[in-house]
Every structure is written in structure tokens, then in C-alpha cells.
Amino acid sequence: MHFKIPAGLAMLAAGTVICQYILMIQNRVVDSLETTIRFFSFFTILTNILVGIFFARLTFRLQQPSSSELNAYRGMTSTTLYIGIVGLVYQLLLRHLWNPKGAQWITDELLHTVIPAMTLVFWCTHRKNEPLAFRQIYLWMIYPLVYLSYVLIRGHFSGFYPYPFLYVHDLGMTKVLLNALLLLMIFASLATLMIWLQHRSENQKPSSI
């Protein structure tokens, strides 16, 4: 029965992403193909998909008698970190920029508040199941760096940037890169904190264990 929570989170993430796509298609201002490309250009969407994949995989592995728990939970901390950044950036920088209503408000809150919070709670209660090392931070940064490169390259040709702090045509490339550097520093700091907390929990285990 311990796989029910991961299964619920997987379905919630998948359902919310699908709902957001439907809403975006219904309210599109460009053609369907461009709308779809833009949809998958949001870090929020990509990361909620990542959350859904992680919890779906975890659900499957927890049901396999031969599956190692250490292997099953691999990737939990990085996934939590990514979705945590989604929630943090939205609450601090983006929430005040618009006022969604109805189904869009529900979907928005699920993507940026509920799913990040639930993932964080799950990590807090299960983090001891994943072995961590500080050197993993370098690997975790590949995803946001690849995302940033994609957004800047595509934005140069299409003129579309998914977030206001990445608007090169308004802010200039120097300012955008400084914004990105600040976010990466916050990312690395939170990653360090999460690994430290995990190690601290391990060091507090009774010596007989």
C-alpha cells in the first residue's frame, strides 16, 4: 500500500499538465503548432512532467519485490529541487503578474503550489531512502542549463521567451544572463542545503543501526 501516494502524485501531475495544455490551446493567440512548442518551453510544464515520470516510475518499482529501495528512490532529491524552484520562482517573481480565474486558477495553483508542496513533503518523509553526494549537484545543473540554452536560442529566432526575466529584447542579454546566474546560484544553494540535511539525518541515526 506504500505506493499509493506516489501513484496519486503521478496522476495529479499528469492530469494537471494535460488540463493546462487544453486551456492553452483554447486560449491560444498563435497557431496550434506554435502554441504546443511554447507550451513545452515552460520550465514549469517540463518539470511537472518530470515529477509525473518520477512518481510513476517509483510506483512501478515499489510494486516489484526484487526492486531495491535505494534504486527506486534515485532522482527524488533532484526532482524535488527542480519543482521546488518552480514554486519558489512563481511565488516570488511571477504570481503578481496575472490574476487567473476559474479552471485556469485551479490549474495554476496545482502546477505552482500544490504539486511542489506535496513533492517537498514526500521528500521530507522519504529522503533517507536516497543516497546523496555533494558532487551530484554538478549533474543536477545540466537540466536547467540545457533549458536556458534552448530558451535563449529559440527566443532569438522566434521572439518568444516564456518568462519576463528572460526577455532579451527588453532586458538585454547581459541582464538576462545575470538573472540566470542568480537563479543558478539559488539552485546550487538549495541543492547543497538539501544534501546537507540528508547527511545530517543520517549522522543522527543510532549507532546500533
Protein backbone atom coordinates (compact mmCIF):
# COMPACT_ATOMS: atom_id res chain seq x y z
CA MET A 1 0.00 0.00 0.00
CA HIS A 2 3.02 2.32 0.32
CA PHE A 3 2.90 3.06 -3.41
CA LYS A 4 -0.49 4.82 -3.26
CA ILE A 5 0.94 8.29 -2.52
CA PRO A 6 3.47 8.18 -5.40
CA ALA A 7 0.73 6.89 -7.72
CA GLY A 8 -1.57 9.74 -6.67
CA LEU A 9 1.15 12.33 -7.25
CA ALA A 10 1.94 10.85 -10.65
CA MET A 11 -1.70 11.04 -11.73
CA LEU A 12 -2.12 14.55 -10.30
CA ALA A 13 0.92 15.86 -12.17
CA ALA A 14 -0.11 14.19 -15.44
CA GLY A 15 -3.72 15.36 -15.18
CA THR A 16 -2.75 18.93 -14.36
CA VAL A 17 -0.31 19.18 -17.27
CA ILE A 18 -2.99 17.88 -19.64
CA CYS A 19 -5.51 20.38 -18.29
CA GLN A 20 -3.03 23.22 -18.73
CA TYR A 21 -2.39 22.19 -22.33
CA ILE A 22 -6.13 22.13 -23.09
CA LEU A 23 -6.56 25.60 -21.56
CA MET A 24 -3.60 26.95 -23.51
CA ILE A 25 -4.94 25.54 -26.78
CA GLN A 26 -8.38 27.01 -26.08
CA ASN A 27 -6.91 30.46 -25.41
CA ARG A 28 -4.13 30.40 -27.99
CA VAL A 29 -3.03 33.57 -29.76
CA VAL A 30 -0.92 31.73 -32.36
CA ASP A 31 -1.49 28.53 -34.34
CA SER A 32 -1.71 25.13 -32.62
CA LEU A 33 1.82 24.02 -33.53
CA GLU A 34 3.43 27.18 -32.18
CA THR A 35 1.21 27.02 -29.09
CA THR A 36 2.36 23.45 -28.45
CA ILE A 37 6.01 24.40 -28.86
CA ARG A 38 5.53 27.29 -26.46
CA PHE A 39 3.73 25.02 -24.01
CA PHE A 40 6.76 22.74 -23.82
CA SER A 41 9.04 25.79 -23.50
CA PHE A 42 7.92 26.48 -19.94
CA PHE A 43 10.16 25.16 -17.17
CA THR A 44 7.00 24.71 -15.11
CA ILE A 45 5.48 22.30 -17.62
CA LEU A 46 8.66 20.32 -18.25
CA THR A 47 9.31 19.98 -14.53
CA ASN A 48 5.78 18.90 -13.67
CA ILE A 49 6.13 16.26 -16.40
CA LEU A 50 9.39 15.21 -14.74
CA VAL A 51 7.57 14.92 -11.41
CA GLY A 52 4.90 12.76 -13.00
CA ILE A 53 7.51 10.49 -14.59
CA PHE A 54 9.46 10.15 -11.34
CA PHE A 55 6.45 9.19 -9.26
CA ALA A 56 5.09 6.85 -11.95
CA ARG A 57 8.47 5.10 -12.05
CA LEU A 58 8.61 4.99 -8.26
CA THR A 59 5.12 3.49 -8.10
CA PHE A 60 6.13 0.76 -10.52
CA ARG A 61 9.39 -0.03 -8.73
CA LEU A 62 7.81 -0.15 -5.28
CA GLN A 63 5.48 -2.87 -6.54
CA GLN A 64 8.38 -5.03 -7.70
CA PRO A 65 9.51 -7.43 -4.92
CA SER A 66 13.04 -7.53 -6.30
CA SER A 67 13.43 -3.75 -6.58
CA SER A 68 15.98 -2.07 -4.30
CA GLU A 69 14.59 0.90 -2.37
CA LEU A 70 17.85 2.80 -2.87
CA ASN A 71 17.46 2.38 -6.61
CA ALA A 72 13.72 3.08 -6.56
CA TYR A 73 14.13 6.47 -4.90
CA ARG A 74 17.07 7.59 -7.04
CA GLY A 75 16.37 11.01 -8.51
CA MET A 76 13.94 12.04 -5.76
CA THR A 77 16.04 14.92 -4.43
CA SER A 78 16.84 16.43 -7.82
CA THR A 79 13.18 16.18 -8.86
CA THR A 80 12.11 17.86 -5.62
CA LEU A 81 14.70 20.57 -6.15
CA TYR A 82 13.50 21.31 -9.69
CA ILE A 83 9.83 21.52 -8.75
CA GLY A 84 10.77 23.49 -5.63
CA ILE A 85 12.43 26.10 -7.85
CA VAL A 86 9.24 26.22 -9.93
CA GLY A 87 7.19 27.01 -6.83
CA LEU A 88 9.70 29.47 -5.36
CA VAL A 89 10.17 31.49 -8.55
CA TYR A 90 6.43 31.64 -9.14
CA GLN A 91 5.58 32.81 -5.63
CA LEU A 92 8.34 35.45 -5.54
CA LEU A 93 8.53 36.72 -9.11
CA LEU A 94 5.52 35.72 -11.19
CA ARG A 95 2.38 35.46 -9.06
CA HIS A 96 1.71 39.21 -9.11
CA LEU A 97 1.91 39.41 -12.91
CA TRP A 98 -1.52 37.92 -13.61
CA ASN A 99 -4.80 37.01 -11.97
CA PRO A 100 -6.21 33.76 -13.43
CA LYS A 101 -9.82 32.77 -12.86
CA GLY A 102 -11.82 29.56 -12.74
CA ALA A 103 -10.22 26.44 -14.18
CA GLN A 104 -7.05 28.36 -15.02
CA TRP A 105 -6.65 29.44 -11.38
CA ILE A 106 -7.07 25.84 -10.17
CA THR A 107 -4.58 24.52 -12.71
CA ASP A 108 -2.16 27.34 -11.96
CA GLU A 109 -2.23 26.63 -8.22
CA LEU A 110 -1.75 22.91 -8.77
CA LEU A 111 1.26 23.44 -11.03
CA HIS A 112 3.00 26.08 -8.95
CA THR A 113 1.89 25.49 -5.36
CA VAL A 114 0.18 22.17 -4.61
CA ILE A 115 2.42 19.79 -6.56
CA PRO A 116 5.66 21.48 -5.41
CA ALA A 117 4.45 21.41 -1.79
CA MET A 118 3.34 17.77 -1.94
CA THR A 119 6.61 16.72 -3.57
CA LEU A 120 8.57 18.54 -0.87
CA VAL A 121 6.57 16.86 1.89
CA PHE A 122 7.19 13.48 0.28
CA TRP A 123 10.91 14.23 0.10
CA CYS A 124 11.00 15.27 3.76
CA THR A 125 9.47 11.97 4.83
CA HIS A 126 11.42 9.70 2.44
CA ARG A 127 14.76 11.44 1.81
CA LYS A 128 16.72 8.84 3.81
CA ASN A 129 15.91 6.31 1.09
CA GLU A 130 18.19 8.02 -1.46
CA PRO A 131 21.99 8.07 -1.16
CA LEU A 132 23.38 11.55 -1.93
CA ALA A 133 26.76 13.17 -2.51
CA PHE A 134 27.61 16.84 -2.99
CA ARG A 135 29.26 16.10 -6.35
CA GLN A 136 25.81 15.24 -7.72
CA ILE A 137 24.96 18.94 -7.79
CA TYR A 138 27.01 19.36 -10.97
CA LEU A 139 24.90 16.72 -12.71
CA TRP A 140 21.66 18.25 -11.42
CA MET A 141 22.57 21.59 -13.02
CA ILE A 142 22.64 20.09 -16.53
CA TYR A 143 18.84 20.23 -16.84
CA PRO A 144 18.42 23.96 -16.05
CA LEU A 145 21.47 24.85 -18.17
CA VAL A 146 20.18 22.91 -21.18
CA TYR A 147 16.76 24.51 -20.67
CA LEU A 148 18.27 28.00 -20.53
CA SER A 149 20.29 27.38 -23.69
CA TYR A 150 17.20 26.14 -25.53
CA VAL A 151 15.04 29.08 -24.47
CA LEU A 152 17.64 31.68 -25.43
CA ILE A 153 18.41 30.09 -28.79
CA ARG A 154 14.78 29.60 -29.74
CA GLY A 155 13.85 33.02 -28.39
CA HIS A 156 16.48 34.63 -30.60
CA PHE A 157 14.74 33.27 -33.69
CA SER A 158 11.09 33.24 -32.57
CA GLY A 159 10.97 36.29 -30.31
CA PHE A 160 9.18 34.24 -27.63
CA TYR A 161 10.58 33.97 -24.11
CA PRO A 162 8.45 32.10 -21.55
CA TYR A 163 9.40 34.24 -18.52
CA PRO A 164 9.81 38.02 -18.13
CA PHE A 165 13.25 37.73 -16.52
CA LEU A 166 14.42 36.10 -19.77
CA TYR A 167 13.09 38.82 -22.14
CA VAL A 168 16.30 39.53 -24.02
CA HIS A 169 14.67 42.14 -26.26
CA ASP A 170 13.61 44.18 -23.17
CA LEU A 171 16.39 43.50 -20.69
CA GLY A 172 19.37 42.81 -22.93
CA MET A 173 21.48 39.66 -22.94
CA THR A 174 23.77 40.81 -20.11
CA LYS A 175 20.86 41.36 -17.71
CA VAL A 176 19.24 38.07 -18.70
CA LEU A 177 22.47 36.15 -18.10
CA LEU A 178 22.85 37.83 -14.71
CA ASN A 179 19.28 36.81 -13.84
CA ALA A 180 20.06 33.25 -14.93
CA LEU A 181 23.28 33.23 -12.90
CA LEU A 182 21.38 34.37 -9.80
CA LEU A 183 18.82 31.59 -10.25
CA LEU A 184 21.57 29.02 -10.72
CA MET A 185 23.25 30.23 -7.52
CA ILE A 186 19.95 29.84 -5.65
CA PHE A 187 19.56 26.41 -7.22
CA ALA A 188 23.05 25.33 -6.11
CA SER A 189 22.50 26.72 -2.61
CA LEU A 190 19.22 24.85 -2.17
CA ALA A 191 20.79 21.67 -3.54
CA THR A 192 23.63 21.98 -1.03
CA LEU A 193 21.13 22.54 1.79
CA MET A 194 19.06 19.50 0.84
CA ILE A 195 22.09 17.21 0.69
CA TRP A 196 23.37 18.60 3.99
CA LEU A 197 20.01 17.93 5.64
CA GLN A 198 20.03 14.39 4.32
CA HIS A 199 23.56 13.77 5.63
CA ARG A 200 22.67 15.33 8.95
CA SER A 201 19.70 12.96 9.30
CA GLU A 202 21.96 10.00 8.55
CA ASN A 203 24.54 11.12 11.12
CA GLN A 204 21.85 11.29 13.81
CA LYS A 205 20.88 7.64 13.40
CA PRO A 206 21.51 5.47 16.45
CA SER A 207 24.94 3.86 16.28
CA SER A 208 23.43 0.38 16.59
CA ILE A 209 21.66 0.72 13.23
